[in-house]
Amino acid sequence: MKKLSIIIPAYNEEKTIHQILNAIKEVTLINNIEKEIIIVNDFSKDGTGTAVANYISENPSLNIQYFEHTVNKGKGAALHTGIANAKGDLLIIQDADLEYDPKEYNILIEPIINGFADVVYGSRFMGGRPHRVLFFWHTIGNKLLTGISNMLNNLNLTDMETCYKLFKSEIIKNIPLREARFGFEPEVTAKIARLKGVRIYEVGISYYGRTYEEGKKIGLKDAIRAFYCMIKYTFIK
């Protein structure tokens, strides 16, 4: 494995995009793996584009690829753009906020490097890492959605909705993905589960969740859509 593609879907992240990029810059990956950062600006209404342009000009040594949507399409659509343009052997999803810590990339990479896994999920509900105490009903909803996904796909994940999903690139690039918004998580999980011989692992990660005042975007309608997608993609390829 020579390169990790880090896909960052960004929507109105002007205030935090430089912080997450700084955190990624500071990470040294195991086995001398290089980093490729792919930012997809999903038609932000703030200064996200300018903030990224400034950061690129100030950090010319970083391999940053930047793409913009001309209309707002949703997180899933931004991920589709990032995946299509990724050049790395491995691919990980990174939200543009500060909820997930890039220092933990190596935790997800290790099972693949050691020859055990093809896909690794970073679970917010495993292990003893820091986890911000926030919304009760979000936790219940997450566990419910994960449980239904497990039943439909015959898996035993603890956190299907996690942002941190690491793939061997040849696997994720060959999956036809349709969901444009937050339905990406149940869709990709259902489609990965159906692939013969693909080994899915889970590792514990930390989680520094945001409140809605701090910029959190997912809500009830996204949970309903996720439930619909789980049923839909159990039967549709």
Protein backbone atom coordinates (compact mmCIF):
# COMPACT_ATOMS: atom_id res chain seq x y z
CA MET A 1 0.00 0.00 0.00
CA LYS A 2 1.55 3.27 -1.13
CA LYS A 3 -1.11 5.97 -0.85
CA LEU A 4 -4.18 6.81 1.23
CA SER A 5 -6.86 8.96 -0.39
CA ILE A 6 -8.67 11.06 2.23
CA ILE A 7 -12.08 12.14 0.92
CA ILE A 8 -13.48 15.30 2.58
CA PRO A 9 -17.03 16.35 1.67
CA ALA A 10 -17.39 19.98 2.70
CA TYR A 11 -20.49 22.13 3.08
CA ASN A 12 -20.25 25.46 4.93
CA GLU A 13 -17.07 24.47 6.79
CA GLU A 14 -15.19 27.76 6.41
CA LYS A 15 -14.49 27.97 10.15
CA THR A 16 -13.07 24.45 10.63
CA ILE A 17 -11.69 23.26 7.28
CA HIS A 18 -8.19 24.58 8.03
CA GLN A 19 -8.19 22.85 11.41
CA ILE A 20 -8.99 19.43 10.00
CA LEU A 21 -6.41 19.93 7.25
CA ASN A 22 -3.80 20.86 9.86
CA ALA A 23 -4.66 17.70 11.78
CA ILE A 24 -4.28 15.58 8.64
CA LYS A 25 -0.98 17.30 7.81
CA GLU A 26 0.45 16.31 11.20
CA VAL A 27 -0.34 12.61 10.76
CA THR A 28 2.48 10.24 9.82
CA LEU A 29 1.06 7.07 8.33
CA ILE A 30 2.51 3.63 8.98
CA ASN A 31 4.54 1.80 6.31
CA ASN A 32 5.49 5.14 4.72
CA ILE A 33 2.04 5.47 3.17
CA GLU A 34 1.56 8.81 1.41
CA LYS A 35 -1.50 11.03 1.79
CA GLU A 36 -3.74 12.37 -0.96
CA ILE A 37 -6.39 14.82 0.27
CA ILE A 38 -9.48 15.25 -1.90
CA ILE A 39 -11.83 18.06 -0.89
CA VAL A 40 -15.26 18.25 -2.52
CA ASN A 41 -17.05 21.54 -1.87
CA ASP A 42 -20.77 20.80 -2.17
CA PHE A 43 -21.79 24.34 -3.22
CA SER A 44 -21.16 25.95 0.16
CA LYS A 45 -22.85 29.26 0.89
CA ASP A 46 -19.98 30.56 3.03
CA GLY A 47 -16.29 31.07 2.29
CA THR A 48 -15.29 27.38 2.27
CA GLY A 49 -13.84 27.64 -1.24
CA THR A 50 -11.73 30.68 -0.39
CA ALA A 51 -10.54 29.07 2.84
CA VAL A 52 -9.41 25.97 0.95
CA ALA A 53 -7.70 28.02 -1.78
CA ASN A 54 -5.79 29.98 0.85
CA TYR A 55 -4.78 26.81 2.64
CA ILE A 56 -3.50 25.20 -0.56
CA SER A 57 -1.41 28.26 -1.41
CA GLU A 58 0.07 28.28 2.12
CA ASN A 59 0.82 24.53 2.10
CA PRO A 60 2.20 23.70 -1.36
CA SER A 61 3.88 20.50 -0.12
CA LEU A 62 0.53 18.88 0.68
CA ASN A 63 -1.13 16.81 -2.04
CA ILE A 64 -4.58 18.44 -2.04
CA GLN A 65 -7.06 17.98 -4.88
CA TYR A 66 -10.04 20.36 -4.87
CA PHE A 67 -13.40 19.93 -6.59
CA GLU A 68 -16.57 22.04 -6.52
CA HIS A 69 -20.19 21.18 -7.21
CA THR A 70 -22.12 23.89 -9.06
CA VAL A 71 -25.28 23.01 -7.10
CA ASN A 72 -25.77 21.50 -3.66
CA LYS A 73 -26.14 17.74 -4.16
CA GLY A 74 -25.59 16.27 -0.70
CA LYS A 75 -22.85 14.47 1.23
CA GLY A 76 -23.25 11.22 -0.67
CA ALA A 77 -22.86 12.99 -4.02
CA ALA A 78 -19.71 14.72 -2.73
CA LEU A 79 -18.33 11.33 -1.73
CA HIS A 80 -19.11 9.95 -5.20
CA THR A 81 -17.04 12.78 -6.72
CA GLY A 82 -14.18 12.16 -4.31
CA ILE A 83 -14.16 8.40 -4.83
CA ALA A 84 -14.17 8.77 -8.61
CA ASN A 85 -11.11 11.04 -8.49
CA ALA A 86 -9.11 9.15 -5.85
CA LYS A 87 -5.74 7.73 -6.87
CA GLY A 88 -4.76 5.98 -3.64
CA ASP A 89 -4.54 2.25 -2.87
CA LEU A 90 -6.66 2.89 0.24
CA LEU A 91 -9.52 5.33 0.72
CA ILE A 92 -10.97 6.83 3.89
CA ILE A 93 -13.84 9.25 4.49
CA GLN A 94 -13.16 12.30 6.66
CA ASP A 95 -15.82 14.84 7.62
CA ALA A 96 -14.68 18.47 7.38
CA ASP A 97 -15.68 19.20 10.98
CA LEU A 98 -13.71 18.19 14.07
CA GLU A 99 -15.77 15.19 15.23
CA TYR A 100 -13.24 12.56 14.11
CA ASP A 101 -9.50 12.56 14.79
CA PRO A 102 -7.11 11.91 11.84
CA LYS A 103 -4.45 10.72 14.31
CA GLU A 104 -6.47 7.50 14.37
CA TYR A 105 -6.06 6.68 10.67
CA ASN A 106 -3.34 4.17 11.52
CA ILE A 107 -5.73 2.28 13.81
CA LEU A 108 -7.96 1.66 10.80
CA ILE A 109 -5.10 0.95 8.39
CA GLU A 110 -3.43 -1.73 10.55
CA PRO A 111 -5.90 -4.58 9.92
CA ILE A 112 -5.49 -4.08 6.16
CA ILE A 113 -1.70 -3.77 6.28
CA ASN A 114 -1.55 -6.92 8.44
CA GLY A 115 -3.56 -8.85 5.85
CA PHE A 116 -6.75 -9.38 7.84
CA ALA A 117 -9.22 -6.88 6.35
CA ASP A 118 -10.44 -5.32 3.11
CA VAL A 119 -12.81 -2.80 4.73
CA VAL A 120 -12.49 -1.28 8.22
CA TYR A 121 -15.16 0.65 10.13
CA GLY A 122 -14.17 2.96 12.98
CA SER A 123 -16.71 2.40 15.75
CA ARG A 124 -17.61 5.14 18.22
CA PHE A 125 -19.03 2.49 20.54
CA MET A 126 -16.03 0.18 20.94
CA GLY A 127 -13.00 0.50 23.20
CA GLY A 128 -12.03 3.08 25.78
CA ARG A 129 -11.35 6.14 23.64
CA PRO A 130 -12.87 9.58 24.35
CA HIS A 131 -16.51 10.04 23.36
CA ARG A 132 -18.29 13.33 23.89
CA VAL A 133 -21.53 12.98 25.85
CA LEU A 134 -24.35 14.39 23.73
CA PHE A 135 -27.74 13.34 22.40
CA PHE A 136 -29.57 10.36 23.92
CA TRP A 137 -31.98 9.95 21.01
CA HIS A 138 -29.18 10.11 18.44
CA THR A 139 -27.51 7.20 20.21
CA ILE A 140 -30.74 5.21 20.33
CA GLY A 141 -31.40 5.97 16.66
CA ASN A 142 -27.89 4.96 15.68
CA LYS A 143 -28.11 1.66 17.54
CA LEU A 144 -31.54 0.96 16.02
CA LEU A 145 -30.35 1.66 12.48
CA THR A 146 -27.19 -0.38 13.03
CA GLY A 147 -29.23 -3.26 14.43
CA ILE A 148 -31.62 -3.30 11.48
CA SER A 149 -28.69 -3.09 9.05
CA ASN A 150 -27.04 -6.03 10.81
CA MET A 151 -30.20 -8.14 10.56
CA LEU A 152 -30.67 -7.37 6.87
CA ASN A 153 -27.01 -7.87 5.96
CA ASN A 154 -26.07 -10.62 8.45
CA LEU A 155 -23.37 -8.49 10.09
CA ASN A 156 -22.45 -7.68 13.69
CA LEU A 157 -21.28 -4.07 13.39
CA THR A 158 -21.64 -1.73 16.36
CA ASP A 159 -21.62 1.53 14.34
CA MET A 160 -22.91 1.36 10.77
CA GLU A 161 -23.38 5.16 10.65
CA THR A 162 -19.76 6.03 11.45
CA CYS A 163 -17.98 8.49 9.18
CA TYR A 164 -14.68 6.60 9.43
CA LYS A 165 -14.87 3.88 6.81
CA LEU A 166 -11.62 2.70 5.23
CA PHE A 167 -11.68 0.72 1.98
CA LYS A 168 -9.27 -0.88 -0.38
CA SER A 169 -9.82 1.46 -3.30
CA GLU A 170 -10.47 -1.21 -5.90
CA ILE A 171 -13.44 -2.39 -3.83
CA ILE A 172 -15.21 0.94 -3.28
CA LYS A 173 -14.53 2.17 -6.81
CA ASN A 174 -16.31 -0.86 -8.29
CA ILE A 175 -19.49 -0.44 -6.27
CA PRO A 176 -22.30 1.48 -8.03
CA LEU A 177 -23.38 4.11 -5.48
CA ARG A 178 -26.61 6.06 -5.87
CA GLU A 179 -27.45 7.84 -2.62
CA ALA A 180 -26.77 11.58 -2.77
CA ARG A 181 -27.31 12.45 0.89
CA PHE A 182 -26.81 10.63 4.20
CA GLY A 183 -28.16 7.40 2.72
CA PHE A 184 -24.58 6.66 1.68
CA GLU A 185 -23.85 4.83 4.95
CA PRO A 186 -26.56 2.13 4.79
CA GLU A 187 -26.17 1.82 1.01
CA VAL A 188 -22.44 1.19 1.06
CA THR A 189 -22.77 -1.16 4.03
CA ALA A 190 -25.42 -3.26 2.28
CA LYS A 191 -23.42 -3.42 -0.94
CA ILE A 192 -20.13 -4.24 0.80
CA ALA A 193 -21.87 -7.01 2.78
CA ARG A 194 -22.99 -8.70 -0.46
CA LEU A 195 -19.49 -8.91 -1.94
CA LYS A 196 -18.09 -12.42 -1.73
CA GLY A 197 -14.84 -12.76 0.17
CA VAL A 198 -14.68 -9.16 1.43
CA ARG A 199 -13.48 -9.06 5.03
CA ILE A 200 -15.05 -6.32 7.16
CA TYR A 201 -13.39 -5.34 10.44
CA GLU A 202 -14.23 -2.82 13.17
CA VAL A 203 -11.88 -0.88 15.43
CA GLY A 204 -12.63 1.51 18.29
CA ILE A 205 -12.18 5.25 17.68
CA SER A 206 -12.80 8.44 19.63
CA TYR A 207 -15.62 10.86 18.84
CA TYR A 208 -15.79 14.61 19.48
CA GLY A 209 -19.40 15.25 18.47
CA ARG A 210 -20.85 18.65 17.60
CA THR A 211 -24.12 20.20 18.68
CA TYR A 212 -26.46 21.75 16.10
CA GLU A 213 -25.27 25.19 17.25
CA GLU A 214 -21.73 24.07 16.44
CA GLY A 215 -22.72 22.97 12.95
CA LYS A 216 -24.08 19.42 13.13
CA LYS A 217 -26.27 18.75 10.07
CA ILE A 218 -27.81 15.28 10.27
CA GLY A 219 -31.40 15.08 11.55
CA LEU A 220 -34.57 13.00 11.77
CA LYS A 221 -35.30 13.07 8.04
CA ASP A 222 -31.84 11.64 7.39
CA ALA A 223 -32.53 8.79 9.84
CA ILE A 224 -35.80 8.05 8.02
CA ARG A 225 -33.97 8.06 4.69
CA ALA A 226 -31.32 5.73 6.14
CA PHE A 227 -34.03 3.26 7.19
CA TYR A 228 -35.55 3.41 3.69
CA CYS A 229 -32.14 2.82 2.12
CA MET A 230 -31.47 -0.24 4.27
CA ILE A 231 -34.65 -1.87 3.00
CA LYS A 232 -34.10 -0.69 -0.57
CA TYR A 233 -30.51 -1.86 -0.95
CA THR A 234 -31.14 -5.23 0.63
CA PHE A 235 -32.96 -6.09 -2.59
CA ILE A 236 -31.50 -3.69 -5.18
CA LYS A 237 -27.91 -3.79 -6.39
